[in-house]
Amino acid sequence: MALVGSVVTKDMEPNHIYAGVPAQDVTGKMGTQFEHVPIEEKRERLGVLLRRFYDARPQFNHEGIEILGSWDEAHDPEATAFNVATRTYTKRLTQVEVAFMRFLLPTVKFYPA
């Protein structure tokens, strides 16, 4: 990431922050832009959000959404599957899927697979 007003004159490293003219690496002072989160932890975090979603919307009866760590996992072909490794989902346009996507925004973003 380059901060506003920075002039980048060389290639930047991934997950580093640059500032100034010319841009200097200030990651050591500010920390990294992103934290590494293991797939299982991402899955658990999304699971917590899914439980909150279902608790607030009992009409969906805890059905229609599955959370996957990879596309290789077996899942219900009728359900909307959310892959936390790739941040993609199977777009079915069901009511529960649309409502869950709205519930997640702007905190979490997934893209159609």
PDB file of N, CA and C in Angstrom:
ATOM      1  N   MET A   1       0.849  -1.165   0.000  1.00  0.00           N
ATOM      2  CA  MET A   1       0.000   0.000   0.000  1.00  0.00           C
ATOM      3  C   MET A   1       0.899   1.235   0.000  1.00  0.00           C
ATOM      4  N   ALA A   2       0.552   2.195  -0.814  1.00  0.00           N
ATOM      5  CA  ALA A   2       1.236   3.485  -0.829  1.00  0.00           C
ATOM      6  C   ALA A   2       0.302   4.518  -0.208  1.00  0.00           C
ATOM      7  N   LEU A   3       0.782   5.241   0.796  1.00  0.00           N
ATOM      8  CA  LEU A   3      -0.041   6.254   1.442  1.00  0.00           C
ATOM      9  C   LEU A   3      -0.246   7.445   0.518  1.00  0.00           C
ATOM     10  N   VAL A   4      -1.297   8.194   0.775  1.00  0.00           N
ATOM     11  CA  VAL A   4      -1.656   9.344  -0.050  1.00  0.00           C
ATOM     12  C   VAL A   4      -0.489  10.327  -0.119  1.00  0.00           C
ATOM     13  N   GLY A   5      -0.177  10.801  -1.321  1.00  0.00           N
ATOM     14  CA  GLY A   5       0.897  11.764  -1.518  1.00  0.00           C
ATOM     15  C   GLY A   5       2.254  11.127  -1.765  1.00  0.00           C
ATOM     16  N   SER A   6       2.344   9.809  -1.624  1.00  0.00           N
ATOM     17  CA  SER A   6       3.606   9.115  -1.858  1.00  0.00           C
ATOM     18  C   SER A   6       3.907   9.053  -3.349  1.00  0.00           C
ATOM     19  N   VAL A   7       5.183   9.066  -3.674  1.00  0.00           N
ATOM     20  CA  VAL A   7       5.615   8.910  -5.062  1.00  0.00           C
ATOM     21  C   VAL A   7       6.416   7.622  -5.136  1.00  0.00           C
ATOM     22  N   VAL A   8       5.819   6.623  -5.784  1.00  0.00           N
ATOM     23  CA  VAL A   8       6.446   5.311  -5.887  1.00  0.00           C
ATOM     24  C   VAL A   8       7.362   5.299  -7.097  1.00  0.00           C
ATOM     25  N   THR A   9       8.647   4.997  -6.864  1.00  0.00           N
ATOM     26  CA  THR A   9       9.627   4.995  -7.955  1.00  0.00           C
ATOM     27  C   THR A   9      10.217   3.614  -8.198  1.00  0.00           C
ATOM     28  N   LYS A  10       9.898   2.641  -7.329  1.00  0.00           N
ATOM     29  CA  LYS A  10      10.413   1.275  -7.468  1.00  0.00           C
ATOM     30  C   LYS A  10       9.293   0.295  -7.160  1.00  0.00           C
ATOM     31  N   ASP A  11       9.519  -0.970  -7.483  1.00  0.00           N
ATOM     32  CA  ASP A  11       8.545  -2.005  -7.159  1.00  0.00           C
ATOM     33  C   ASP A  11       8.329  -2.062  -5.651  1.00  0.00           C
ATOM     34  N   MET A  12       7.089  -2.355  -5.259  1.00  0.00           N
ATOM     35  CA  MET A  12       6.753  -2.468  -3.841  1.00  0.00           C
ATOM     36  C   MET A  12       6.612  -3.942  -3.470  1.00  0.00           C
ATOM     37  N   GLU A  13       6.954  -4.270  -2.241  1.00  0.00           N
ATOM     38  CA  GLU A  13       6.813  -5.630  -1.729  1.00  0.00           C
ATOM     39  C   GLU A  13       5.356  -5.863  -1.319  1.00  0.00           C
ATOM     40  N   PRO A  14       4.879  -7.100  -1.461  1.00  0.00           N
ATOM     41  CA  PRO A  14       3.514  -7.387  -1.023  1.00  0.00           C
ATOM     42  C   PRO A  14       3.376  -7.226   0.497  1.00  0.00           C
ATOM     43  N   ASN A  15       2.218  -6.765   0.929  1.00  0.00           N
ATOM     44  CA  ASN A  15       1.878  -6.589   2.341  1.00  0.00           C
ATOM     45  C   ASN A  15       2.846  -5.656   3.074  1.00  0.00           C
ATOM     46  N   HIS A  16       3.343  -4.642   2.377  1.00  0.00           N
ATOM     47  CA  HIS A  16       4.184  -3.600   2.975  1.00  0.00           C
ATOM     48  C   HIS A  16       3.505  -2.252   2.770  1.00  0.00           C
ATOM     49  N   ILE A  17       3.854  -1.290   3.598  1.00  0.00           N
ATOM     50  CA  ILE A  17       3.287   0.051   3.507  1.00  0.00           C
ATOM     51  C   ILE A  17       4.406   1.028   3.169  1.00  0.00           C
ATOM     52  N   TYR A  18       4.139   1.935   2.208  1.00  0.00           N
ATOM     53  CA  TYR A  18       5.132   2.898   1.746  1.00  0.00           C
ATOM     54  C   TYR A  18       4.591   4.315   1.908  1.00  0.00           C
ATOM     55  N   ALA A  19       5.491   5.241   2.229  1.00  0.00           N
ATOM     56  CA  ALA A  19       5.103   6.646   2.397  1.00  0.00           C
ATOM     57  C   ALA A  19       6.269   7.537   2.008  1.00  0.00           C
ATOM     58  N   GLY A  20       5.947   8.766   1.585  1.00  0.00           N
ATOM     59  CA  GLY A  20       6.971   9.777   1.320  1.00  0.00           C
ATOM     60  C   GLY A  20       7.264   9.993  -0.141  1.00  0.00           C
ATOM     61  N   VAL A  21       8.204  10.934  -0.379  1.00  0.00           N
ATOM     62  CA  VAL A  21       8.652  11.272  -1.726  1.00  0.00           C
ATOM     63  C   VAL A  21      10.175  11.236  -1.720  1.00  0.00           C
ATOM     64  N   PRO A  22      10.798  10.265  -2.337  1.00  0.00           N
ATOM     65  CA  PRO A  22      10.206   9.059  -2.916  1.00  0.00           C
ATOM     66  C   PRO A  22       9.714   8.127  -1.810  1.00  0.00           C
ATOM     67  N   ALA A  23       8.827   7.218  -2.166  1.00  0.00           N
ATOM     68  CA  ALA A  23       8.215   6.325  -1.183  1.00  0.00           C
ATOM     69  C   ALA A  23       9.252   5.423  -0.529  1.00  0.00           C
ATOM     70  N   GLN A  24       9.168   5.353   0.804  1.00  0.00           N
ATOM     71  CA  GLN A  24      10.040   4.497   1.605  1.00  0.00           C
ATOM     72  C   GLN A  24       9.170   3.465   2.322  1.00  0.00           C
ATOM     73  N   ASP A  25       9.726   2.305   2.575  1.00  0.00           N
ATOM     74  CA  ASP A  25       9.006   1.258   3.297  1.00  0.00           C
ATOM     75  C   ASP A  25       8.885   1.649   4.772  1.00  0.00           C
ATOM     76  N   VAL A  26       7.659   1.828   5.256  1.00  0.00           N
ATOM     77  CA  VAL A  26       7.424   2.206   6.656  1.00  0.00           C
ATOM     78  C   VAL A  26       6.683   1.088   7.403  1.00  0.00           C
ATOM     79  N   THR A  27       6.757  -0.116   6.879  1.00  0.00           N
ATOM     80  CA  THR A  27       6.072  -1.244   7.493  1.00  0.00           C
ATOM     81  C   THR A  27       6.548  -1.471   8.926  1.00  0.00           C
ATOM     82  N   GLY A  28       7.818  -1.292   9.170  1.00  0.00           N
ATOM     83  CA  GLY A  28       8.361  -1.484  10.513  1.00  0.00           C
ATOM     84  C   GLY A  28       7.742  -0.541  11.537  1.00  0.00           C
ATOM     85  N   LYS A  29       7.375   0.654  11.121  1.00  0.00           N
ATOM     86  CA  LYS A  29       6.769   1.636  12.026  1.00  0.00           C
ATOM     87  C   LYS A  29       5.262   1.445  12.156  1.00  0.00           C
ATOM     88  N   MET A  30       4.602   1.049  11.066  1.00  0.00           N
ATOM     89  CA  MET A  30       3.138   0.997  11.041  1.00  0.00           C
ATOM     90  C   MET A  30       2.568  -0.413  11.131  1.00  0.00           C
ATOM     91  N   GLY A  31       3.371  -1.423  10.874  1.00  0.00           N
ATOM     92  CA  GLY A  31       2.858  -2.794  10.828  1.00  0.00           C
ATOM     93  C   GLY A  31       2.408  -3.138   9.424  1.00  0.00           C
ATOM     94  N   THR A  32       2.042  -4.379   9.224  1.00  0.00           N
ATOM     95  CA  THR A  32       1.625  -4.826   7.898  1.00  0.00           C
ATOM     96  C   THR A  32       0.169  -4.464   7.638  1.00  0.00           C
ATOM     97  N   GLN A  33      -0.175  -4.454   6.373  1.00  0.00           N
ATOM     98  CA  GLN A  33      -1.541  -4.109   5.975  1.00  0.00           C
ATOM     99  C   GLN A  33      -2.506  -5.254   6.288  1.00  0.00           C
ATOM    100  N   PHE A  34      -2.077  -6.480   6.062  1.00  0.00           N
ATOM    101  CA  PHE A  34      -2.932  -7.639   6.251  1.00  0.00           C
ATOM    102  C   PHE A  34      -2.294  -8.589   7.251  1.00  0.00           C
ATOM    103  N   GLU A  35      -3.126  -9.306   7.994  1.00  0.00           N
ATOM    104  CA  GLU A  35      -2.626 -10.339   8.889  1.00  0.00           C
ATOM    105  C   GLU A  35      -2.864 -11.694   8.242  1.00  0.00           C
ATOM    106  N   HIS A  36      -1.948 -12.624   8.443  1.00  0.00           N
ATOM    107  CA  HIS A  36      -2.138 -13.983   7.933  1.00  0.00           C
ATOM    108  C   HIS A  36      -3.083 -14.712   8.887  1.00  0.00           C
ATOM    109  N   VAL A  37      -4.172 -15.236   8.345  1.00  0.00           N
ATOM    110  CA  VAL A  37      -5.141 -15.979   9.141  1.00  0.00           C
ATOM    111  C   VAL A  37      -5.276 -17.369   8.529  1.00  0.00           C
ATOM    112  N   PRO A  38      -5.035 -18.422   9.324  1.00  0.00           N
ATOM    113  CA  PRO A  38      -5.173 -19.790   8.797  1.00  0.00           C
ATOM    114  C   PRO A  38      -6.604 -20.058   8.312  1.00  0.00           C
ATOM    115  N   ILE A  39      -6.733 -20.957   7.356  1.00  0.00           N
ATOM    116  CA  ILE A  39      -8.030 -21.287   6.756  1.00  0.00           C
ATOM    117  C   ILE A  39      -9.047 -21.704   7.827  1.00  0.00           C
ATOM    118  N   GLU A  40      -8.648 -22.527   8.770  1.00  0.00           N
ATOM    119  CA  GLU A  40      -9.590 -22.985   9.799  1.00  0.00           C
ATOM    120  C   GLU A  40     -10.093 -21.831  10.655  1.00  0.00           C
ATOM    121  N   GLU A  41      -9.237 -20.857  10.927  1.00  0.00           N
ATOM    122  CA  GLU A  41      -9.680 -19.695  11.702  1.00  0.00           C
ATOM    123  C   GLU A  41     -10.650 -18.840  10.882  1.00  0.00           C
ATOM    124  N   LYS A  42     -10.376 -18.699   9.583  1.00  0.00           N
ATOM    125  CA  LYS A  42     -11.307 -17.967   8.711  1.00  0.00           C
ATOM    126  C   LYS A  42     -12.661 -18.663   8.697  1.00  0.00           C
ATOM    127  N   ARG A  43     -12.612 -19.979   8.629  1.00  0.00           N
ATOM    128  CA  ARG A  43     -13.837 -20.766   8.609  1.00  0.00           C
ATOM    129  C   ARG A  43     -14.632 -20.569   9.902  1.00  0.00           C
ATOM    130  N   GLU A  44     -13.932 -20.571  11.028  1.00  0.00           N
ATOM    131  CA  GLU A  44     -14.598 -20.369  12.314  1.00  0.00           C
ATOM    132  C   GLU A  44     -15.185 -18.959  12.418  1.00  0.00           C
ATOM    133  N   ARG A  45     -14.442 -17.955  11.972  1.00  0.00           N
ATOM    134  CA  ARG A  45     -14.944 -16.574  12.013  1.00  0.00           C
ATOM    135  C   ARG A  45     -16.207 -16.415  11.172  1.00  0.00           C
ATOM    136  N   LEU A  46     -16.199 -17.018   9.964  1.00  0.00           N
ATOM    137  CA  LEU A  46     -17.388 -16.930   9.122  1.00  0.00           C
ATOM    138  C   LEU A  46     -18.532 -17.736   9.734  1.00  0.00           C
ATOM    139  N   GLY A  47     -18.202 -18.843  10.398  1.00  0.00           N
ATOM    140  CA  GLY A  47     -19.215 -19.633  11.088  1.00  0.00           C
ATOM    141  C   GLY A  47     -19.908 -18.839  12.186  1.00  0.00           C
ATOM    142  N   VAL A  48     -19.149 -18.035  12.920  1.00  0.00           N
ATOM    143  CA  VAL A  48     -19.729 -17.173  13.957  1.00  0.00           C
ATOM    144  C   VAL A  48     -20.705 -16.182  13.325  1.00  0.00           C
ATOM    145  N   LEU A  49     -20.294 -15.578  12.218  1.00  0.00           N
ATOM    146  CA  LEU A  49     -21.178 -14.631  11.520  1.00  0.00           C
ATOM    147  C   LEU A  49     -22.433 -15.327  10.995  1.00  0.00           C
ATOM    148  N   LEU A  50     -22.261 -16.548  10.492  1.00  0.00           N
ATOM    149  CA  LEU A  50     -23.413 -17.288   9.974  1.00  0.00           C
ATOM    150  C   LEU A  50     -24.397 -17.607  11.098  1.00  0.00           C
ATOM    151  N   ARG A  51     -23.887 -17.998  12.273  1.00  0.00           N
ATOM    152  CA  ARG A  51     -24.770 -18.269  13.415  1.00  0.00           C
ATOM    153  C   ARG A  51     -25.514 -17.007  13.845  1.00  0.00           C
ATOM    154  N   ARG A  52     -24.827 -15.870  13.854  1.00  0.00           N
ATOM    155  CA  ARG A  52     -25.489 -14.600  14.189  1.00  0.00           C
ATOM    156  C   ARG A  52     -26.585 -14.277  13.169  1.00  0.00           C
ATOM    157  N   PHE A  53     -26.267 -14.515  11.901  1.00  0.00           N
ATOM    158  CA  PHE A  53     -27.238 -14.275  10.827  1.00  0.00           C
ATOM    159  C   PHE A  53     -28.492 -15.125  11.042  1.00  0.00           C
ATOM    160  N   TYR A  54     -28.314 -16.436  11.263  1.00  0.00           N
ATOM    161  CA  TYR A  54     -29.455 -17.329  11.455  1.00  0.00           C
ATOM    162  C   TYR A  54     -30.217 -17.000  12.740  1.00  0.00           C
ATOM    163  N   ASP A  55     -29.509 -16.613  13.804  1.00  0.00           N
ATOM    164  CA  ASP A  55     -30.188 -16.256  15.055  1.00  0.00           C
ATOM    165  C   ASP A  55     -31.107 -15.049  14.862  1.00  0.00           C
ATOM    166  N   ALA A  56     -30.668 -14.109  14.034  1.00  0.00           N
ATOM    167  CA  ALA A  56     -31.459 -12.897  13.793  1.00  0.00           C
ATOM    168  C   ALA A  56     -32.557 -13.115  12.751  1.00  0.00           C
ATOM    169  N   ARG A  57     -32.467 -14.205  11.995  1.00  0.00           N
ATOM    170  CA  ARG A  57     -33.431 -14.475  10.923  1.00  0.00           C
ATOM    171  C   ARG A  57     -33.903 -15.930  10.986  1.00  0.00           C
ATOM    172  N   PRO A  58     -34.738 -16.268  11.966  1.00  0.00           N
ATOM    173  CA  PRO A  58     -35.169 -17.663  12.126  1.00  0.00           C
ATOM    174  C   PRO A  58     -35.973 -18.203  10.941  1.00  0.00           C
ATOM    175  N   GLN A  59     -36.483 -17.325  10.091  1.00  0.00           N
ATOM    176  CA  GLN A  59     -37.261 -17.800   8.940  1.00  0.00           C
ATOM    177  C   GLN A  59     -36.422 -18.645   7.984  1.00  0.00           C
ATOM    178  N   PHE A  60     -35.098 -18.525   8.040  1.00  0.00           N
ATOM    179  CA  PHE A  60     -34.249 -19.307   7.136  1.00  0.00           C
ATOM    180  C   PHE A  60     -33.916 -20.689   7.692  1.00  0.00           C
ATOM    181  N   ASN A  61     -34.263 -20.950   8.956  1.00  0.00           N
ATOM    182  CA  ASN A  61     -34.197 -22.295   9.526  1.00  0.00           C
ATOM    183  C   ASN A  61     -32.823 -22.965   9.411  1.00  0.00           C
ATOM    184  N   HIS A  62     -31.768 -22.204   9.492  1.00  0.00           N
ATOM    185  CA  HIS A  62     -30.389 -22.735   9.481  1.00  0.00           C
ATOM    186  C   HIS A  62     -30.111 -23.624   8.270  1.00  0.00           C
ATOM    187  N   GLU A  63     -30.630 -23.246   7.123  1.00  0.00           N
ATOM    188  CA  GLU A  63     -30.410 -24.038   5.910  1.00  0.00           C
ATOM    189  C   GLU A  63     -30.025 -23.135   4.747  1.00  0.00           C
ATOM    190  N   GLY A  64     -29.350 -23.737   3.759  1.00  0.00           N
ATOM    191  CA  GLY A  64     -29.080 -23.039   2.511  1.00  0.00           C
ATOM    192  C   GLY A  64     -27.690 -22.471   2.351  1.00  0.00           C
ATOM    193  N   ILE A  65     -26.883 -22.437   3.441  1.00  0.00           N
ATOM    194  CA  ILE A  65     -25.527 -21.882   3.373  1.00  0.00           C
ATOM    195  C   ILE A  65     -24.548 -22.905   3.939  1.00  0.00           C
ATOM    196  N   GLU A  66     -23.454 -23.113   3.235  1.00  0.00           N
ATOM    197  CA  GLU A  66     -22.376 -23.969   3.740  1.00  0.00           C
ATOM    198  C   GLU A  66     -21.063 -23.219   3.656  1.00  0.00           C
ATOM    199  N   ILE A  67     -20.177 -23.467   4.613  1.00  0.00           N
ATOM    200  CA  ILE A  67     -18.863 -22.840   4.646  1.00  0.00           C
ATOM    201  C   ILE A  67     -17.821 -23.915   4.366  1.00  0.00           C
ATOM    202  N   LEU A  68     -16.983 -23.665   3.363  1.00  0.00           N
ATOM    203  CA  LEU A  68     -15.970 -24.630   2.947  1.00  0.00           C
ATOM    204  C   LEU A  68     -14.560 -24.063   3.128  1.00  0.00           C
ATOM    205  N   GLY A  69     -13.604 -24.967   3.327  1.00  0.00           N
ATOM    206  CA  GLY A  69     -12.197 -24.581   3.352  1.00  0.00           C
ATOM    207  C   GLY A  69     -11.563 -24.721   1.975  1.00  0.00           C
ATOM    208  N   SER A  70     -12.190 -25.535   1.115  1.00  0.00           N
ATOM    209  CA  SER A  70     -11.740 -25.682  -0.272  1.00  0.00           C
ATOM    210  C   SER A  70     -12.894 -26.236  -1.090  1.00  0.00           C
ATOM    211  N   TRP A  71     -12.804 -26.099  -2.403  1.00  0.00           N
ATOM    212  CA  TRP A  71     -13.865 -26.604  -3.272  1.00  0.00           C
ATOM    213  C   TRP A  71     -13.855 -28.121  -3.340  1.00  0.00           C
ATOM    214  N   ASP A  72     -12.798 -28.775  -2.877  1.00  0.00           N
ATOM    215  CA  ASP A  72     -12.724 -30.230  -2.904  1.00  0.00           C
ATOM    216  C   ASP A  72     -13.627 -30.880  -1.858  1.00  0.00           C
ATOM    217  N   GLU A  73     -14.069 -30.117  -0.868  1.00  0.00           N
ATOM    218  CA  GLU A  73     -14.920 -30.672   0.185  1.00  0.00           C
ATOM    219  C   GLU A  73     -16.304 -30.992  -0.370  1.00  0.00           C
ATOM    220  N   ALA A  74     -16.885 -32.065   0.132  1.00  0.00           N
ATOM    221  CA  ALA A  74     -18.243 -32.432  -0.271  1.00  0.00           C
ATOM    222  C   ALA A  74     -19.224 -31.425   0.307  1.00  0.00           C
ATOM    223  N   HIS A  75     -20.171 -31.014  -0.506  1.00  0.00           N
ATOM    224  CA  HIS A  75     -21.182 -30.076  -0.033  1.00  0.00           C
ATOM    225  C   HIS A  75     -22.484 -30.285  -0.803  1.00  0.00           C
ATOM    226  N   ASP A  76     -23.561 -29.776  -0.238  1.00  0.00           N
ATOM    227  CA  ASP A  76     -24.884 -29.890  -0.838  1.00  0.00           C
ATOM    228  C   ASP A  76     -24.925 -29.057  -2.121  1.00  0.00           C
ATOM    229  N   PRO A  77     -25.201 -29.674  -3.263  1.00  0.00           N
ATOM    230  CA  PRO A  77     -25.217 -28.913  -4.526  1.00  0.00           C
ATOM    231  C   PRO A  77     -26.331 -27.875  -4.609  1.00  0.00           C
ATOM    232  N   GLU A  78     -27.344 -27.995  -3.747  1.00  0.00           N
ATOM    233  CA  GLU A  78     -28.437 -27.029  -3.737  1.00  0.00           C
ATOM    234  C   GLU A  78     -28.149 -25.825  -2.837  1.00  0.00           C
ATOM    235  N   ALA A  79     -27.199 -25.965  -1.946  1.00  0.00           N
ATOM    236  CA  ALA A  79     -26.874 -24.882  -1.008  1.00  0.00           C
ATOM    237  C   ALA A  79     -25.871 -23.917  -1.634  1.00  0.00           C
ATOM    238  N   THR A  80     -25.826 -22.718  -1.112  1.00  0.00           N
ATOM    239  CA  THR A  80     -24.799 -21.762  -1.517  1.00  0.00           C
ATOM    240  C   THR A  80     -23.565 -22.053  -0.673  1.00  0.00           C
ATOM    241  N   ALA A  81     -22.454 -22.368  -1.323  1.00  0.00           N
ATOM    242  CA  ALA A  81     -21.217 -22.701  -0.630  1.00  0.00           C
ATOM    243  C   ALA A  81     -20.288 -21.493  -0.643  1.00  0.00           C
ATOM    244  N   PHE A  82     -19.753 -21.146   0.515  1.00  0.00           N
ATOM    245  CA  PHE A  82     -18.786 -20.063   0.666  1.00  0.00           C
ATOM    246  C   PHE A  82     -17.424 -20.677   0.943  1.00  0.00           C
ATOM    247  N   ASN A  83     -16.457 -20.411   0.061  1.00  0.00           N
ATOM    248  CA  ASN A  83     -15.101 -20.937   0.200  1.00  0.00           C
ATOM    249  C   ASN A  83     -14.232 -19.861   0.843  1.00  0.00           C
ATOM    250  N   VAL A  84     -13.792 -20.093   2.089  1.00  0.00           N
ATOM    251  CA  VAL A  84     -13.010 -19.082   2.796  1.00  0.00           C
ATOM    252  C   VAL A  84     -11.578 -18.978   2.277  1.00  0.00           C
ATOM    253  N   ALA A  85     -11.084 -20.017   1.623  1.00  0.00           N
ATOM    254  CA  ALA A  85      -9.718 -19.975   1.092  1.00  0.00           C
ATOM    255  C   ALA A  85      -9.611 -19.038  -0.101  1.00  0.00           C
ATOM    256  N   THR A  86     -10.638 -19.037  -0.961  1.00  0.00           N
ATOM    257  CA  THR A  86     -10.594 -18.228  -2.182  1.00  0.00           C
ATOM    258  C   THR A  86     -11.513 -17.012  -2.123  1.00  0.00           C
ATOM    259  N   ARG A  87     -12.296 -16.888  -1.045  1.00  0.00           N
ATOM    260  CA  ARG A  87     -13.282 -15.809  -0.882  1.00  0.00           C
ATOM    261  C   ARG A  87     -14.258 -15.777  -2.068  1.00  0.00           C
ATOM    262  N   THR A  88     -14.672 -16.958  -2.491  1.00  0.00           N
ATOM    263  CA  THR A  88     -15.645 -17.084  -3.567  1.00  0.00           C
ATOM    264  C   THR A  88     -16.850 -17.886  -3.062  1.00  0.00           C
ATOM    265  N   TYR A  89     -17.952 -17.799  -3.800  1.00  0.00           N
ATOM    266  CA  TYR A  89     -19.151 -18.547  -3.427  1.00  0.00           C
ATOM    267  C   TYR A  89     -19.890 -18.987  -4.672  1.00  0.00           C
ATOM    268  N   THR A  90     -20.742 -19.995  -4.509  1.00  0.00           N
ATOM    269  CA  THR A  90     -21.566 -20.470  -5.613  1.00  0.00           C
ATOM    270  C   THR A  90     -22.819 -19.610  -5.671  1.00  0.00           C
ATOM    271  N   LYS A  91     -22.941 -18.855  -6.713  1.00  0.00           N
ATOM    272  CA  LYS A  91     -24.039 -17.905  -6.850  1.00  0.00           C
ATOM    273  C   LYS A  91     -25.310 -18.623  -7.289  1.00  0.00           C
ATOM    274  N   ARG A  92     -26.307 -18.641  -6.395  1.00  0.00           N
ATOM    275  CA  ARG A  92     -27.578 -19.287  -6.685  1.00  0.00           C
ATOM    276  C   ARG A  92     -28.744 -18.299  -6.656  1.00  0.00           C
ATOM    277  N   LEU A  93     -28.506 -17.120  -6.084  1.00  0.00           N
ATOM    278  CA  LEU A  93     -29.508 -16.061  -5.952  1.00  0.00           C
ATOM    279  C   LEU A  93     -30.731 -16.490  -5.132  1.00  0.00           C
ATOM    280  N   THR A  94     -30.522 -17.370  -4.159  1.00  0.00           N
ATOM    281  CA  THR A  94     -31.614 -17.742  -3.259  1.00  0.00           C
ATOM    282  C   THR A  94     -31.838 -16.610  -2.255  1.00  0.00           C
ATOM    283  N   GLN A  95     -32.993 -16.619  -1.603  1.00  0.00           N
ATOM    284  CA  GLN A  95     -33.286 -15.576  -0.625  1.00  0.00           C
ATOM    285  C   GLN A  95     -32.292 -15.593   0.521  1.00  0.00           C
ATOM    286  N   VAL A  96     -31.940 -16.777   1.012  1.00  0.00           N
ATOM    287  CA  VAL A  96     -31.007 -16.859   2.134  1.00  0.00           C
ATOM    288  C   VAL A  96     -29.619 -16.370   1.716  1.00  0.00           C
ATOM    289  N   GLU A  97     -29.200 -16.697   0.495  1.00  0.00           N
ATOM    290  CA  GLU A  97     -27.892 -16.238   0.008  1.00  0.00           C
ATOM    291  C   GLU A  97     -27.834 -14.723  -0.089  1.00  0.00           C
ATOM    292  N   VAL A  98     -28.830 -14.123  -0.691  1.00  0.00           N
ATOM    293  CA  VAL A  98     -28.860 -12.666  -0.859  1.00  0.00           C
ATOM    294  C   VAL A  98     -28.889 -11.983   0.505  1.00  0.00           C
ATOM    295  N   ALA A  99     -29.704 -12.508   1.421  1.00  0.00           N
ATOM    296  CA  ALA A  99     -29.788 -11.918   2.760  1.00  0.00           C
ATOM    297  C   ALA A  99     -28.455 -12.052   3.500  1.00  0.00           C
ATOM    298  N   PHE A 100     -27.785 -13.200   3.358  1.00  0.00           N
ATOM    299  CA  PHE A 100     -26.490 -13.400   4.028  1.00  0.00           C
ATOM    300  C   PHE A 100     -25.422 -12.486   3.435  1.00  0.00           C
ATOM    301  N   MET A 101     -25.405 -12.340   2.126  1.00  0.00           N
ATOM    302  CA  MET A 101     -24.444 -11.438   1.486  1.00  0.00           C
ATOM    303  C   MET A 101     -24.646 -10.009   1.991  1.00  0.00           C
ATOM    304  N   ARG A 102     -25.894  -9.561   2.110  1.00  0.00           N
ATOM    305  CA  ARG A 102     -26.161  -8.215   2.636  1.00  0.00           C
ATOM    306  C   ARG A 102     -25.733  -8.096   4.086  1.00  0.00           C
ATOM    307  N   PHE A 103     -25.926  -9.172   4.852  1.00  0.00           N
ATOM    308  CA  PHE A 103     -25.513  -9.198   6.251  1.00  0.00           C
ATOM    309  C   PHE A 103     -23.993  -9.044   6.376  1.00  0.00           C
ATOM    310  N   LEU A 104     -23.246  -9.673   5.469  1.00  0.00           N
ATOM    311  CA  LEU A 104     -21.779  -9.644   5.522  1.00  0.00           C
ATOM    312  C   LEU A 104     -21.190  -8.283   5.135  1.00  0.00           C
ATOM    313  N   LEU A 105     -21.834  -7.601   4.205  1.00  0.00           N
ATOM    314  CA  LEU A 105     -21.275  -6.337   3.705  1.00  0.00           C
ATOM    315  C   LEU A 105     -21.401  -5.240   4.735  1.00  0.00           C
ATOM    316  N   PRO A 106     -20.488  -4.317   4.857  1.00  0.00           N
ATOM    317  CA  PRO A 106     -19.238  -4.181   4.121  1.00  0.00           C
ATOM    318  C   PRO A 106     -18.060  -4.888   4.774  1.00  0.00           C
ATOM    319  N   THR A 107     -18.313  -5.644   5.862  1.00  0.00           N
ATOM    320  CA  THR A 107     -17.222  -6.264   6.616  1.00  0.00           C
ATOM    321  C   THR A 107     -16.484  -7.345   5.842  1.00  0.00           C
ATOM    322  N   VAL A 108     -17.233  -8.252   5.219  1.00  0.00           N
ATOM    323  CA  VAL A 108     -16.648  -9.380   4.508  1.00  0.00           C
ATOM    324  C   VAL A 108     -17.165  -9.382   3.087  1.00  0.00           C
ATOM    325  N   LYS A 109     -16.268  -9.608   2.131  1.00  0.00           N
ATOM    326  CA  LYS A 109     -16.678  -9.621   0.722  1.00  0.00           C
ATOM    327  C   LYS A 109     -16.300 -10.963   0.095  1.00  0.00           C
ATOM    328  N   PHE A 110     -17.250 -11.555  -0.599  1.00  0.00           N
ATOM    329  CA  PHE A 110     -17.031 -12.775  -1.375  1.00  0.00           C
ATOM    330  C   PHE A 110     -17.408 -12.470  -2.819  1.00  0.00           C
ATOM    331  N   TYR A 111     -16.817 -13.216  -3.731  1.00  0.00           N
ATOM    332  CA  TYR A 111     -17.051 -13.015  -5.158  1.00  0.00           C
ATOM    333  C   TYR A 111     -17.572 -14.303  -5.764  1.00  0.00           C
ATOM    334  N   PRO A 112     -18.458 -14.232  -6.771  1.00  0.00           N
ATOM    335  CA  PRO A 112     -18.964 -15.454  -7.388  1.00  0.00           C
ATOM    336  C   PRO A 112     -17.835 -16.302  -7.958  1.00  0.00           C
ATOM    337  N   ALA A 113     -17.961 -17.605  -7.778  1.00  0.00           N
ATOM    338  CA  ALA A 113     -16.927 -18.536  -8.288  1.00  0.00           C
ATOM    339  C   ALA A 113     -17.083 -18.730  -9.776  1.00  0.00           C
TER     340      ALA A 113
END
